[in-house]
Amino acid sequence: MALDKPAGLAVQGGAGVGVSLDSILEAEFPQRPLLVHRLDKDTSGVILVAKNREAAAFFGGLFSAENRGDGVIKRYLALCKGTPTPEAGGVKFDLEVKGVWKTAETRYKKINERRIAIEGNDELFSLLEIELGTGRMHQIRRHLASIGNPIAGDDKYGDFKLNKRLRKRFGVKRLLLHASRLIIPAAAISKRSGGYAVFEIDVSSPLPDYFDFF
C-alpha cells in the first residue's frame, strides 16, 4: 500500500513518541502492514508499506539495492532559501550517521523561483526537485544547508531568523520538504522476482497546502 504521510508523524514509535504510523497501522488492520522504507518525522509524502512479511522482504530488497542503481527512484520537492549554483546539479560528500561517516549523494534541479516580500524585504526562494543517490538521515536537509540553500521551515539545519519571519507572515510551521513521487520500474521488480511479476509502481502525492504561499 502507498500512503500519504503528513509532516509531524513519526513512522515508528520510540522514546517520546506518542503516536506513530506503525501504531496507527496496528490499530487499523488485523494484520499490521510492515514498513518498507522510512521518511523523517518532519517530511510529508509518499511512503510504501507491505501487507505481509513476504511482500515486505521483496520490496525491502528493492529499496536496499537502490544505492547500487537498481531502479528505485524517490523524488522530493523542497522549498529552499535562495537559488543553488548551478541551478541543476548534485551535492556529494560523506555525512556522519550515528558516529559513522557514510557516502551521501543528493541530486537536484530548480523548478521555479520567486521573490516574496517579508517584513519589507524581498526574499528569494526556489522550488527544487530532488532525487536521492543515497538515503542517509536528514541527508537532503544537511546537503542543501551546506551549500547555503537551507530548506524553509527547517528548525535543525535552517535559517532560524527566516523561519521565524515565515511563521509570522504566512503561518508556516512545517519543514517544506515533501516526498512527492515514488517510482519502482518494472525492470527492477522483474529482476528481483526472477522475471515473473512485470509491473511498475508510480505513486505521486500533491504538495500540502502550507506550500501555497509560494
Protein backbone atom coordinates (compact mmCIF):
# COMPACT_ATOMS: atom_id res chain seq x y z
CA MET A 1 0.00 0.00 0.00
CA ALA A 2 1.13 3.54 -0.72
CA LEU A 3 0.23 6.08 1.96
CA ASP A 4 0.41 9.87 2.11
CA LYS A 5 2.18 10.60 5.39
CA PRO A 6 1.62 14.02 6.98
CA ALA A 7 4.52 16.03 8.36
CA GLY A 8 4.94 15.65 12.11
CA LEU A 9 4.04 11.95 12.21
CA ALA A 10 6.88 9.59 13.13
CA VAL A 11 6.93 6.35 11.18
CA GLN A 12 7.99 4.28 14.21
CA GLY A 13 7.42 4.51 17.94
CA GLY A 14 10.13 5.17 20.48
CA ALA A 15 11.05 7.33 23.42
CA GLY A 16 8.87 10.43 23.46
CA VAL A 17 6.72 9.28 20.52
CA GLY A 18 3.04 9.09 21.38
CA VAL A 19 1.52 8.20 18.01
CA SER A 20 3.38 6.77 15.02
CA LEU A 21 2.47 5.44 11.59
CA ASP A 22 3.28 1.96 12.90
CA SER A 23 0.83 2.29 15.80
CA ILE A 24 -1.92 3.63 13.53
CA LEU A 25 -1.49 0.71 11.12
CA GLU A 26 -1.55 -1.75 14.02
CA ALA A 27 -4.84 -0.28 15.27
CA GLU A 28 -6.48 -0.19 11.83
CA PHE A 29 -5.57 -3.62 10.42
CA PRO A 30 -5.91 -7.12 11.92
CA GLN A 31 -2.50 -7.96 10.45
CA ARG A 32 -0.38 -4.83 10.77
CA PRO A 33 1.23 -3.72 7.49
CA LEU A 34 5.01 -3.50 7.65
CA LEU A 35 7.20 -0.54 6.79
CA VAL A 36 9.26 -1.00 3.61
CA HIS A 37 11.30 2.21 3.91
CA ARG A 38 11.37 5.36 6.08
CA LEU A 39 10.57 9.05 5.95
CA ASP A 40 11.76 11.55 8.54
CA LYS A 41 9.11 12.66 11.00
CA ASP A 42 9.14 16.22 9.60
CA THR A 43 8.89 15.11 5.95
CA SER A 44 5.49 14.59 4.34
CA GLY A 45 4.55 12.47 1.35
CA VAL A 46 4.57 9.03 -0.23
CA ILE A 47 5.58 6.03 1.85
CA LEU A 48 5.19 2.35 0.95
CA VAL A 49 4.05 -0.33 3.40
CA ALA A 50 3.67 -4.07 2.81
CA LYS A 51 0.63 -6.17 3.71
CA ASN A 52 2.63 -9.24 4.77
CA ARG A 53 6.17 -10.39 5.54
CA GLU A 54 6.76 -11.83 2.08
CA ALA A 55 5.93 -8.51 0.41
CA ALA A 56 8.00 -6.62 3.00
CA ALA A 57 11.03 -8.80 2.25
CA PHE A 58 10.54 -8.43 -1.51
CA PHE A 59 10.17 -4.65 -1.62
CA GLY A 60 12.65 -4.14 1.20
CA GLY A 61 15.20 -5.84 -1.04
CA LEU A 62 14.45 -3.38 -3.83
CA PHE A 63 14.97 -0.41 -1.53
CA SER A 64 18.17 -1.81 -0.07
CA ALA A 65 19.52 -2.12 -3.61
CA GLU A 66 18.61 1.45 -4.59
CA ASN A 67 22.05 2.86 -3.82
CA ARG A 68 23.55 0.47 -6.34
CA GLY A 69 21.47 1.95 -9.16
CA ASP A 70 18.96 -0.90 -9.34
CA GLY A 71 15.95 1.22 -10.07
CA VAL A 72 14.03 2.68 -7.11
CA ILE A 73 13.51 6.41 -7.69
CA LYS A 74 12.49 8.65 -4.79
CA ARG A 75 11.68 12.23 -5.74
CA TYR A 76 11.16 15.11 -3.35
CA LEU A 77 10.11 18.73 -3.63
CA ALA A 78 11.85 21.21 -1.37
CA LEU A 79 11.38 24.95 -0.97
CA CYS A 80 14.76 26.42 -0.15
CA LYS A 81 16.30 29.79 0.57
CA GLY A 82 17.91 31.42 -2.48
CA THR A 83 18.86 29.55 -5.65
CA PRO A 84 21.59 26.89 -5.86
CA THR A 85 24.54 27.41 -8.18
CA PRO A 86 24.39 25.71 -10.60
CA GLU A 87 20.60 25.51 -10.88
CA ALA A 88 20.82 21.76 -11.58
CA GLY A 89 23.50 19.54 -10.14
CA GLY A 90 24.42 17.43 -7.19
CA VAL A 91 25.88 17.51 -3.72
CA LYS A 92 28.12 14.61 -2.81
CA PHE A 93 30.10 14.34 0.40
CA ASP A 94 30.10 12.00 3.36
CA LEU A 95 27.72 12.51 6.27
CA GLU A 96 28.13 11.27 9.81
CA VAL A 97 25.35 8.91 10.88
CA LYS A 98 25.50 7.64 14.46
CA GLY A 99 29.25 8.12 14.65
CA VAL A 100 29.99 6.54 11.27
CA TRP A 101 30.87 8.55 8.14
CA LYS A 102 28.91 7.35 5.11
CA THR A 103 28.85 8.31 1.43
CA ALA A 104 25.91 10.58 0.59
CA GLU A 105 24.68 11.99 -2.72
CA THR A 106 21.78 14.36 -3.43
CA ARG A 107 20.80 15.43 -6.96
CA TYR A 108 18.62 18.48 -7.61
CA LYS A 109 17.19 20.77 -10.27
CA LYS A 110 15.39 24.08 -9.90
CA ILE A 111 11.71 24.02 -10.89
CA ASN A 112 10.81 27.61 -10.12
CA GLU A 113 11.89 30.64 -8.12
CA ARG A 114 10.09 33.59 -6.64
CA ARG A 115 10.82 36.69 -4.62
CA ILE A 116 8.47 37.14 -1.68
CA ALA A 117 8.11 40.30 0.40
CA ILE A 118 8.58 39.55 4.10
CA GLU A 119 8.71 42.41 6.59
CA GLY A 120 9.76 44.90 3.93
CA ASN A 121 12.48 42.70 2.42
CA ASP A 122 12.35 40.63 -0.77
CA GLU A 123 13.43 37.08 -0.01
CA LEU A 124 14.31 34.74 -2.87
CA PHE A 125 13.02 31.15 -2.66
CA SER A 126 13.44 28.24 -5.07
CA LEU A 127 11.37 25.10 -5.52
CA LEU A 128 13.70 22.18 -6.16
CA GLU A 129 13.02 18.67 -7.43
CA ILE A 130 15.37 16.27 -5.69
CA GLU A 131 16.42 12.66 -6.20
CA LEU A 132 18.42 10.68 -3.71
CA GLY A 133 21.55 8.86 -4.68
CA THR A 134 21.73 7.56 -1.10
CA GLY A 135 19.35 7.66 1.83
CA ARG A 136 21.13 8.98 4.93
CA MET A 137 19.49 10.56 7.95
CA HIS A 138 18.43 14.16 7.19
CA GLN A 139 20.51 13.94 4.03
CA ILE A 140 18.61 16.45 1.87
CA ARG A 141 18.37 18.94 4.72
CA ARG A 142 22.06 18.69 5.55
CA HIS A 143 23.29 18.84 1.96
CA LEU A 144 21.18 21.86 0.98
CA ALA A 145 22.14 23.71 4.15
CA SER A 146 25.81 23.02 3.41
CA ILE A 147 25.63 24.83 0.05
CA GLY A 148 23.85 27.85 1.52
CA ASN A 149 20.32 26.91 0.46
CA PRO A 150 18.64 25.54 3.59
CA ILE A 151 15.07 24.27 3.35
CA ALA A 152 12.48 26.76 4.57
CA GLY A 153 11.00 25.77 7.90
CA ASP A 154 13.96 23.57 8.86
CA ASP A 155 14.36 24.08 12.61
CA LYS A 156 17.54 21.99 12.83
CA TYR A 157 19.77 22.97 9.90
CA GLY A 158 17.95 26.01 8.50
CA ASP A 159 17.94 29.79 8.67
CA PHE A 160 16.22 30.30 12.01
CA LYS A 161 15.59 34.04 11.58
CA LEU A 162 13.99 33.47 8.18
CA ASN A 163 11.88 30.64 9.59
CA LYS A 164 10.61 32.95 12.31
CA ARG A 165 9.59 35.57 9.73
CA LEU A 166 7.82 32.92 7.64
CA ARG A 167 5.83 31.79 10.68
CA LYS A 168 4.84 35.39 11.47
CA ARG A 169 3.97 36.36 7.89
CA PHE A 170 2.44 33.16 6.48
CA GLY A 171 1.91 30.84 9.46
CA VAL A 172 4.44 28.34 8.11
CA LYS A 173 5.23 25.90 10.92
CA ARG A 174 6.41 22.88 8.94
CA LEU A 175 9.53 21.77 7.13
CA LEU A 176 8.92 22.49 3.44
CA LEU A 177 10.19 19.12 2.23
CA HIS A 178 7.79 16.68 0.58
CA ALA A 179 8.25 13.15 -0.80
CA SER A 180 6.34 13.83 -3.99
CA ARG A 181 6.85 10.71 -6.07
CA LEU A 182 7.96 7.09 -5.73
CA ILE A 183 8.79 5.03 -8.82
CA ILE A 184 9.75 1.36 -8.90
CA PRO A 185 10.32 0.43 -12.57
CA ALA A 186 9.01 -2.84 -13.96
CA ALA A 187 12.56 -3.91 -14.80
CA ALA A 188 13.64 -3.63 -11.16
CA ILE A 189 10.68 -5.72 -9.97
CA SER A 190 11.16 -8.29 -12.73
CA LYS A 191 14.84 -8.62 -11.90
CA ARG A 192 14.16 -9.44 -8.26
CA SER A 193 11.15 -11.68 -8.98
CA GLY A 194 13.03 -13.86 -11.46
CA GLY A 195 11.25 -12.39 -14.47
CA TYR A 196 7.66 -13.10 -13.41
CA ALA A 197 5.74 -10.12 -11.99
CA VAL A 198 6.36 -7.37 -14.54
CA PHE A 199 4.59 -4.16 -13.49
CA GLU A 200 5.56 -0.66 -12.45
CA ILE A 201 4.75 1.25 -9.30
CA ASP A 202 4.47 5.02 -9.82
CA VAL A 203 2.77 6.93 -7.00
CA SER A 204 2.57 10.70 -6.53
CA SER A 205 1.46 12.96 -3.69
CA PRO A 206 0.37 16.61 -4.13
CA LEU A 207 2.09 19.34 -2.16
CA PRO A 208 0.49 20.08 1.22
CA ASP A 209 -1.41 23.36 1.50
CA TYR A 210 1.28 25.02 3.63
CA PHE A 211 3.37 25.38 0.45
CA ASP A 212 0.65 27.61 -1.03
CA PHE A 213 2.27 30.92 -0.07
CA PHE A 214 4.93 30.22 -2.74
